[in-house]
Amino acid sequence: MEQQLSTVEAFAHFIRGAITLFFVFWCFKLYTYRHRNRMMRLLFYTTIFLAFSYIKDSVFLFAQWKNSLWLDDFVNTVDLLFIPLVSAFFIEATNPGYPTRRQLAALLSMQALFIPLFLIFPDEIVVFCAFSVACVIALSTIFLVVAFSVKYRRYIKLNYSYRDNIDVAWVELSCVAFFVSLFVYYFAFDYTTWLSEALYNVFSIALWTFLFLFSTRHRVVKMLKPEDNDEEQAAEEIEEPKSDDDVVSLNYILAVRLEQKMSQDKLYLNPKLTITDVATAIGTNKTYLSDYLNNTLNTSFFDYINTFRINEACRIIEMMPERGRESMSVVAQKSGFNSLSSFHRYFVKLKGISPKSYYVNSLMKKNQIM
C-alpha cells in the first residue's frame, strides 16, 4: 500500500512538472502573438501568471513547508488573482473592448486585497471570503460570456457570410469547462490528494491546449455600433427614403442590383464576403442592405449568401461525371465556402442530405433519363 501511494505521489509530481513546462512553453509561444489584439495580450499575461503559480508551488517540495497549512492558505489566496485575469480574457473574446483597463484593475485590486488581509489576519475566514469573491467573478463571467456570445453570433449572421475562425463557440465551451472544473475540484476535494491533483492537472493540460490552439486561430471581430457607419453613410449612392413610396422604390433598386451582382458577378464566390462588401458593390450602405434582407426577405446575410453557394454547389455536383468526379472539398471551395465542414453542415441544412448523397441521387436521375 505504501509503495502504491508513493507511486501515485511520483505520478502527481511528474504531471505537475509537465504542466509547469507546458505553461512556460506557451509563455514563449504567445509572446509572438501578444501584439495581434487585446485578447491575445490578456491570454499572454494570464499564461505568465499560470506559469509563475506552478513554479512558486515548488516550495512545497521542501520538507519544512510541505505540510504548512498557513503557507497552503496563503498560496491559494495569491492564486485566486488568476480568476479576474482569465475572466477578462473570456469576456474580451466574446465582446472585444468590454472589459476596460479600469474594470480589470478594480477586479484585480479587489481580489488582491485579501493577500495583505491574510498576512495581518491569518484566518480561514479570509481565505473563504477571497474564494467567495472569486466565485462571484467566475459565475458573472459565465453569464456574461453566454450573453455576449448570443449577441455576437447574431452580429456575425447579419454581417458575415462565414463563421470559420470568427465564431466564439470555443470560448463558451472553454469558459464553462474551466470554471466548472475549478468548482468541482475545490468542492469535491475538501482535502486534496495526490491523485485528485494529478487528474486535475491532466485535465487542465487538455483544456488549455484546446484553448491555446483555438485562440491563436481566432480572428477578433469588433461589433460596430450604428454610429460607427458615418463614413459608409456618407459614401452611399442611394438616397435615404423619406416616404413609404421611397421605401418601395429603394427595395426595388436593392432587389435588382442584388440579383445582378449575385447571378452575373457571383459575389458569393468570395469566401470572405461581408455585408459591407456587398453594400459597396450595389451602391448603398450595410444599414439599408441589412434592413432589406431582414425585414423584406426575412433572412440574414449569412443565410442569404450561403443559399447561393449551396445552389452553386448543386450545379457543380450535377455536372460531375460518374468517373473522375471532384472531391467535395473542391466543390466547397468552388462554391465559395472556406471550409469543408461549413459546406457540409449548411448543405445538409438546406437540402436535407449530404453532398455525396446528392451526387448519388443526381447520377441515378441521369441514368433513368438515359
Protein backbone atom coordinates (compact mmCIF):
# COMPACT_ATOMS: atom_id res chain seq x y z
CA MET A 1 0.00 0.00 0.00
CA GLU A 2 2.84 2.34 0.92
CA GLN A 3 4.53 1.59 -2.43
CA GLN A 4 1.25 2.33 -4.26
CA LEU A 5 0.87 5.68 -2.53
CA SER A 6 4.44 6.67 -3.35
CA THR A 7 3.81 5.75 -7.00
CA VAL A 8 0.73 7.99 -7.13
CA GLU A 9 2.69 10.79 -5.49
CA ALA A 10 5.51 10.38 -8.01
CA PHE A 11 2.97 10.49 -10.83
CA ALA A 12 1.46 13.67 -9.38
CA HIS A 13 4.90 15.31 -9.21
CA PHE A 14 5.60 14.26 -12.79
CA ILE A 15 2.33 15.79 -14.03
CA ARG A 16 2.97 18.96 -12.05
CA GLY A 17 6.37 19.28 -13.68
CA ALA A 18 4.81 18.62 -17.09
CA ILE A 19 2.11 21.28 -16.68
CA THR A 20 4.70 23.78 -15.41
CA LEU A 21 6.80 23.27 -18.54
CA PHE A 22 3.59 23.36 -20.59
CA PHE A 23 2.71 26.88 -19.43
CA VAL A 24 6.32 28.08 -19.67
CA PHE A 25 6.38 26.85 -23.29
CA TRP A 26 3.16 28.71 -24.09
CA CYS A 27 4.52 31.88 -22.50
CA PHE A 28 7.24 31.92 -25.17
CA LYS A 29 4.78 30.82 -27.86
CA LEU A 30 2.24 33.55 -27.07
CA TYR A 31 4.95 36.21 -26.87
CA THR A 32 4.81 36.48 -30.67
CA TYR A 33 1.00 36.78 -30.61
CA ARG A 34 0.68 39.42 -27.87
CA HIS A 35 0.55 42.36 -30.31
CA ARG A 36 -2.12 40.79 -32.52
CA ASN A 37 -5.03 42.04 -30.39
CA ARG A 38 -6.10 42.70 -26.82
CA MET A 39 -7.49 39.20 -26.39
CA MET A 40 -4.08 37.67 -27.08
CA ARG A 41 -2.37 40.12 -24.71
CA LEU A 42 -4.71 39.10 -21.92
CA LEU A 43 -4.08 35.45 -22.69
CA PHE A 44 -0.32 36.08 -22.67
CA TYR A 45 -0.46 37.75 -19.22
CA THR A 46 -2.77 35.02 -17.93
CA THR A 47 -0.34 32.32 -19.09
CA ILE A 48 2.59 34.10 -17.43
CA PHE A 49 0.66 34.14 -14.15
CA LEU A 50 -0.19 30.44 -14.51
CA ALA A 51 3.45 29.55 -15.17
CA PHE A 52 4.50 31.64 -12.15
CA SER A 53 1.85 29.92 -9.98
CA TYR A 54 3.09 26.45 -10.79
CA ILE A 55 6.75 27.44 -10.38
CA LYS A 56 6.18 29.02 -6.96
CA ASP A 57 4.39 25.87 -5.76
CA SER A 58 7.76 24.13 -5.89
CA VAL A 59 8.29 25.44 -2.33
CA PHE A 60 6.10 22.55 -1.16
CA LEU A 61 8.84 20.15 -2.25
CA PHE A 62 10.81 21.21 0.84
CA ALA A 63 10.01 19.06 3.88
CA GLN A 64 9.70 22.01 6.30
CA TRP A 65 6.98 23.65 4.18
CA LYS A 66 5.31 20.59 2.68
CA ASN A 67 2.60 20.32 5.35
CA SER A 68 2.31 24.00 6.29
CA LEU A 69 -1.41 24.90 6.38
CA TRP A 70 -0.59 28.63 6.67
CA LEU A 71 1.57 28.54 3.55
CA ASP A 72 -1.05 26.49 1.69
CA ASP A 73 -3.78 29.05 2.52
CA PHE A 74 -1.51 31.95 1.56
CA VAL A 75 -0.60 30.37 -1.79
CA ASN A 76 -4.28 29.69 -2.54
CA THR A 77 -5.13 33.32 -1.79
CA VAL A 78 -2.44 34.50 -4.20
CA ASP A 79 -3.55 32.02 -6.89
CA LEU A 80 -7.07 33.47 -6.87
CA LEU A 81 -5.67 36.58 -8.61
CA PHE A 82 -5.81 34.40 -11.68
CA ILE A 83 -9.63 34.49 -11.76
CA PRO A 84 -10.03 38.18 -12.78
CA LEU A 85 -7.34 37.74 -15.45
CA VAL A 86 -8.85 34.69 -17.12
CA SER A 87 -12.34 36.22 -16.80
CA ALA A 88 -11.18 39.32 -18.66
CA PHE A 89 -9.78 37.10 -21.40
CA PHE A 90 -13.04 35.17 -21.87
CA ILE A 91 -15.14 38.36 -21.90
CA GLU A 92 -12.76 40.13 -24.30
CA ALA A 93 -13.03 37.18 -26.70
CA THR A 94 -16.84 37.44 -26.87
CA ASN A 95 -17.17 41.22 -26.62
CA PRO A 96 -13.94 42.98 -27.69
CA GLY A 97 -13.26 46.13 -25.73
CA TYR A 98 -15.82 45.49 -23.00
CA PRO A 99 -13.53 44.84 -20.01
CA THR A 100 -11.72 48.18 -19.76
CA ARG A 101 -8.36 48.56 -18.05
CA ARG A 102 -10.06 50.33 -15.18
CA GLN A 103 -12.55 47.49 -14.71
CA LEU A 104 -9.80 44.88 -14.81
CA ALA A 105 -7.65 46.88 -12.37
CA ALA A 106 -10.64 47.18 -10.00
CA LEU A 107 -11.28 43.42 -10.06
CA LEU A 108 -7.60 42.61 -9.54
CA SER A 109 -7.34 45.12 -6.69
CA MET A 110 -10.44 43.71 -5.01
CA GLN A 111 -9.07 40.16 -5.25
CA ALA A 112 -5.54 41.21 -4.26
CA LEU A 113 -6.85 42.96 -1.12
CA PHE A 114 -7.20 39.57 0.57
CA ILE A 115 -3.44 38.90 0.37
CA PRO A 116 -2.38 41.60 2.88
CA LEU A 117 -5.53 40.84 4.90
CA PHE A 118 -4.43 37.24 5.27
CA LEU A 119 -0.91 38.32 6.28
CA ILE A 120 -2.42 40.52 9.02
CA PHE A 121 -5.23 38.13 9.99
CA PRO A 122 -4.11 34.60 9.00
CA ASP A 123 -7.52 33.02 9.36
CA GLU A 124 -9.61 30.62 7.27
CA ILE A 125 -12.37 33.25 7.10
CA VAL A 126 -10.16 35.50 4.97
CA VAL A 127 -9.43 32.61 2.60
CA PHE A 128 -13.14 31.78 2.42
CA CYS A 129 -14.02 35.42 1.61
CA ALA A 130 -11.34 35.54 -1.09
CA PHE A 131 -12.69 32.34 -2.62
CA SER A 132 -16.27 33.67 -2.41
CA VAL A 133 -15.33 36.83 -4.32
CA ALA A 134 -13.56 34.70 -6.93
CA CYS A 135 -16.70 32.56 -7.26
CA VAL A 136 -18.86 35.63 -7.84
CA ILE A 137 -16.45 36.84 -10.55
CA ALA A 138 -16.40 33.39 -12.16
CA LEU A 139 -20.19 32.99 -12.19
CA SER A 140 -20.63 36.53 -13.52
CA THR A 141 -18.11 35.73 -16.26
CA ILE A 142 -20.01 32.61 -17.36
CA PHE A 143 -23.24 34.62 -17.53
CA LEU A 144 -21.63 37.48 -19.48
CA VAL A 145 -19.80 35.16 -21.89
CA VAL A 146 -23.02 33.29 -22.74
CA ALA A 147 -25.00 36.54 -23.12
CA PHE A 148 -22.31 38.21 -25.23
CA SER A 149 -21.95 35.08 -27.39
CA VAL A 150 -25.64 35.19 -28.32
CA LYS A 151 -25.32 38.84 -29.32
CA TYR A 152 -22.03 38.15 -31.14
CA ARG A 153 -23.50 35.28 -33.19
CA ARG A 154 -26.42 37.44 -34.25
CA TYR A 155 -23.99 40.14 -35.38
CA ILE A 156 -21.92 37.60 -37.33
CA LYS A 157 -25.01 36.18 -39.02
CA LEU A 158 -26.12 39.65 -40.08
CA ASN A 159 -22.74 40.84 -41.35
CA TYR A 160 -20.62 37.88 -42.41
CA SER A 161 -21.09 35.04 -44.88
CA TYR A 162 -18.78 32.70 -42.96
CA ARG A 163 -18.06 31.70 -39.36
CA ASP A 164 -14.76 29.85 -39.52
CA ASN A 165 -12.19 31.36 -37.13
CA ILE A 166 -14.61 34.09 -36.03
CA ASP A 167 -17.19 32.00 -34.18
CA VAL A 168 -16.89 32.02 -30.37
CA ALA A 169 -18.33 28.59 -29.56
CA TRP A 170 -14.85 27.53 -28.39
CA VAL A 171 -14.81 30.45 -25.92
CA GLU A 172 -18.13 29.40 -24.38
CA LEU A 173 -17.00 25.79 -24.12
CA SER A 174 -13.62 26.70 -22.63
CA CYS A 175 -15.11 29.19 -20.17
CA VAL A 176 -17.78 26.84 -18.83
CA ALA A 177 -15.44 23.83 -18.74
CA PHE A 178 -12.73 25.77 -16.92
CA PHE A 179 -14.86 27.28 -14.18
CA VAL A 180 -16.98 24.15 -13.68
CA SER A 181 -13.83 22.04 -13.34
CA LEU A 182 -12.43 24.59 -10.89
CA PHE A 183 -15.58 24.46 -8.74
CA VAL A 184 -15.67 20.67 -8.87
CA TYR A 185 -12.04 20.48 -7.84
CA TYR A 186 -12.46 22.78 -4.85
CA PHE A 187 -15.81 21.43 -3.66
CA ALA A 188 -15.30 17.72 -4.40
CA PHE A 189 -11.91 17.54 -2.70
CA ASP A 190 -12.03 19.15 0.73
CA TYR A 191 -8.67 17.51 1.26
CA THR A 192 -6.60 17.42 -1.92
CA THR A 193 -4.99 14.06 -2.64
CA TRP A 194 -2.08 13.34 -4.95
CA LEU A 195 -4.41 11.52 -7.32
CA SER A 196 -7.01 14.32 -7.44
CA GLU A 197 -4.30 16.89 -8.11
CA ALA A 198 -2.76 14.76 -10.86
CA LEU A 199 -6.11 14.18 -12.58
CA TYR A 200 -7.00 17.87 -12.39
CA ASN A 201 -3.65 18.85 -13.93
CA VAL A 202 -4.06 16.30 -16.75
CA PHE A 203 -7.50 17.76 -17.50
CA SER A 204 -6.04 21.28 -17.36
CA ILE A 205 -3.37 20.43 -19.93
CA ALA A 206 -6.05 19.10 -22.30
CA LEU A 207 -8.35 22.09 -21.75
CA TRP A 208 -5.65 24.72 -22.15
CA THR A 209 -4.24 23.00 -25.22
CA PHE A 210 -7.69 23.29 -26.78
CA LEU A 211 -7.96 26.94 -25.70
CA PHE A 212 -4.48 27.92 -26.89
CA LEU A 213 -4.90 26.33 -30.32
CA PHE A 214 -8.28 27.95 -30.98
CA SER A 215 -7.22 31.34 -29.65
CA THR A 216 -4.21 31.51 -31.99
CA ARG A 217 -6.51 30.83 -34.96
CA HIS A 218 -9.30 33.14 -33.83
CA ARG A 219 -9.88 36.39 -35.67
CA VAL A 220 -11.38 39.07 -33.44
CA VAL A 221 -14.44 40.81 -34.85
CA LYS A 222 -15.35 44.05 -33.14
CA MET A 223 -19.08 44.67 -33.18
CA LEU A 224 -19.69 48.16 -34.58
CA LYS A 225 -22.47 50.41 -33.40
CA PRO A 226 -24.78 52.16 -35.89
CA GLU A 227 -22.99 55.45 -35.36
CA ASP A 228 -19.73 53.80 -36.45
CA ASN A 229 -21.05 53.74 -40.02
CA ASP A 230 -20.77 57.50 -40.63
CA GLU A 231 -18.19 57.13 -43.41
CA GLU A 232 -20.23 54.42 -45.02
CA GLN A 233 -23.36 56.58 -44.85
CA ALA A 234 -21.52 59.47 -46.47
CA ALA A 235 -20.34 57.30 -49.34
CA GLU A 236 -23.75 55.89 -50.22
CA GLU A 237 -25.21 56.38 -53.68
CA ILE A 238 -28.82 55.55 -52.85
CA GLU A 239 -30.68 58.42 -51.23
CA GLU A 240 -32.30 57.94 -47.85
CA PRO A 241 -36.02 57.07 -48.22
CA LYS A 242 -38.36 59.77 -46.92
CA SER A 243 -41.76 58.15 -47.55
CA ASP A 244 -43.37 54.72 -48.00
CA ASP A 245 -43.10 55.11 -51.77
CA ASP A 246 -39.40 55.80 -51.39
CA VAL A 247 -39.01 52.65 -49.30
CA VAL A 248 -40.71 50.57 -52.01
CA SER A 249 -38.52 52.19 -54.63
CA LEU A 250 -35.38 51.57 -52.56
CA ASN A 251 -36.31 47.91 -52.06
CA TYR A 252 -36.84 47.50 -55.79
CA ILE A 253 -33.44 49.04 -56.56
CA LEU A 254 -31.76 46.83 -53.97
CA ALA A 255 -33.51 43.73 -55.35
CA VAL A 256 -32.43 44.46 -58.93
CA ARG A 257 -28.84 45.29 -58.03
CA LEU A 258 -28.55 42.29 -55.70
CA GLU A 259 -29.86 39.95 -58.37
CA GLN A 260 -27.35 41.32 -60.85
CA LYS A 261 -24.39 41.06 -58.51
CA MET A 262 -25.31 37.56 -57.39
CA SER A 263 -26.36 35.99 -60.70
CA GLN A 264 -23.89 37.75 -63.01
CA ASP A 265 -20.93 38.78 -60.89
CA LYS A 266 -21.34 35.91 -58.40
CA LEU A 267 -20.08 37.85 -55.40
CA TYR A 268 -20.91 34.86 -53.19
CA LEU A 269 -17.87 33.02 -54.57
CA ASN A 270 -15.71 35.21 -52.32
CA PRO A 271 -15.26 33.04 -49.18
CA LYS A 272 -14.56 36.11 -47.01
CA LEU A 273 -17.54 38.12 -48.23
CA THR A 274 -19.09 40.57 -45.76
CA ILE A 275 -22.23 42.67 -45.88
CA THR A 276 -20.06 45.77 -46.28
CA ASP A 277 -18.53 44.29 -49.46
CA VAL A 278 -21.96 43.64 -50.95
CA ALA A 279 -23.34 47.03 -49.89
CA THR A 280 -20.41 48.77 -51.56
CA ALA A 281 -20.86 46.72 -54.72
CA ILE A 282 -24.52 47.71 -55.09
CA GLY A 283 -24.02 51.36 -54.13
CA THR A 284 -25.64 51.51 -50.70
CA ASN A 285 -24.62 51.06 -47.07
CA LYS A 286 -24.92 47.99 -44.89
CA THR A 287 -27.69 49.53 -42.77
CA TYR A 288 -30.12 49.68 -45.72
CA LEU A 289 -28.99 46.33 -47.06
CA SER A 290 -29.34 44.63 -43.69
CA ASP A 291 -32.79 46.13 -43.21
CA TYR A 292 -33.83 44.89 -46.67
CA LEU A 293 -32.59 41.35 -46.03
CA ASN A 294 -34.06 41.11 -42.54
CA ASN A 295 -37.43 42.82 -43.00
CA THR A 296 -38.23 42.34 -46.69
CA LEU A 297 -36.63 38.98 -47.46
CA ASN A 298 -36.92 37.72 -43.85
CA THR A 299 -33.41 36.30 -43.91
CA SER A 300 -29.95 37.07 -42.58
CA PHE A 301 -26.93 37.99 -44.66
CA PHE A 302 -25.29 34.68 -43.67
CA ASP A 303 -28.27 32.61 -44.86
CA TYR A 304 -28.80 34.74 -47.98
CA ILE A 305 -25.24 34.32 -49.28
CA ASN A 306 -24.87 30.67 -48.34
CA THR A 307 -28.10 29.80 -50.15
CA PHE A 308 -26.45 30.99 -53.38
CA ARG A 309 -23.34 28.99 -52.52
CA ILE A 310 -25.33 25.79 -51.98
CA ASN A 311 -27.19 26.30 -55.26
CA GLU A 312 -23.83 26.76 -56.99
CA ALA A 313 -22.55 23.59 -55.32
CA CYS A 314 -25.61 21.68 -56.54
CA ARG A 315 -24.96 22.90 -60.07
CA ILE A 316 -21.34 21.74 -59.89
CA ILE A 317 -22.31 18.36 -58.44
CA GLU A 318 -25.00 17.77 -61.07
CA MET A 319 -22.45 18.40 -63.84
CA MET A 320 -19.86 15.99 -62.42
CA PRO A 321 -19.30 12.78 -64.40
CA GLU A 322 -19.53 9.33 -62.87
CA ARG A 323 -15.79 8.86 -63.22
CA GLY A 324 -13.17 11.43 -62.40
CA ARG A 325 -15.51 13.40 -60.18
CA GLU A 326 -14.07 16.14 -57.99
CA SER A 327 -13.83 15.82 -54.23
CA MET A 328 -16.38 17.61 -52.09
CA SER A 329 -13.63 19.82 -50.67
CA VAL A 330 -13.04 21.14 -54.19
CA VAL A 331 -16.78 21.65 -54.68
CA ALA A 332 -16.91 23.56 -51.40
CA GLN A 333 -14.04 25.79 -52.48
CA LYS A 334 -15.51 26.42 -55.94
CA SER A 335 -18.91 27.36 -54.48
CA GLY A 336 -17.47 29.97 -52.10
CA PHE A 337 -17.10 28.11 -48.80
CA ASN A 338 -13.80 28.42 -46.97
CA SER A 339 -14.12 25.09 -45.13
CA LEU A 340 -15.49 21.65 -45.90
CA SER A 341 -17.22 21.39 -42.51
CA SER A 342 -19.23 24.59 -43.08
CA PHE A 343 -20.15 23.45 -46.57
CA HIS A 344 -21.32 20.03 -45.39
CA ARG A 345 -23.24 21.46 -42.43
CA TYR A 346 -25.08 24.05 -44.48
CA PHE A 347 -25.72 21.68 -47.38
CA VAL A 348 -27.48 19.22 -45.05
CA LYS A 349 -29.43 22.11 -43.50
CA LEU A 350 -30.79 23.33 -46.86
CA LYS A 351 -31.05 20.10 -48.86
CA GLY A 352 -31.70 17.59 -46.10
CA ILE A 353 -28.99 15.22 -47.35
CA SER A 354 -25.21 15.20 -47.56
CA PRO A 355 -23.38 16.45 -50.68
CA LYS A 356 -22.25 12.89 -51.51
CA SER A 357 -25.83 11.61 -51.25
CA TYR A 358 -26.93 14.47 -53.51
CA TYR A 359 -24.30 13.38 -56.04
CA VAL A 360 -25.55 9.77 -55.95
CA ASN A 361 -29.15 10.91 -56.44
CA SER A 362 -28.04 13.10 -59.34
CA LEU A 363 -26.35 10.12 -61.03
CA MET A 364 -29.45 7.98 -60.57
CA LYS A 365 -31.61 10.62 -62.23
CA LYS A 366 -29.19 10.86 -65.17
CA ASN A 367 -29.22 7.08 -65.63
CA GLN A 368 -33.02 6.99 -65.54
CA ILE A 369 -33.21 9.68 -68.25
CA MET A 370 -30.73 7.79 -70.41
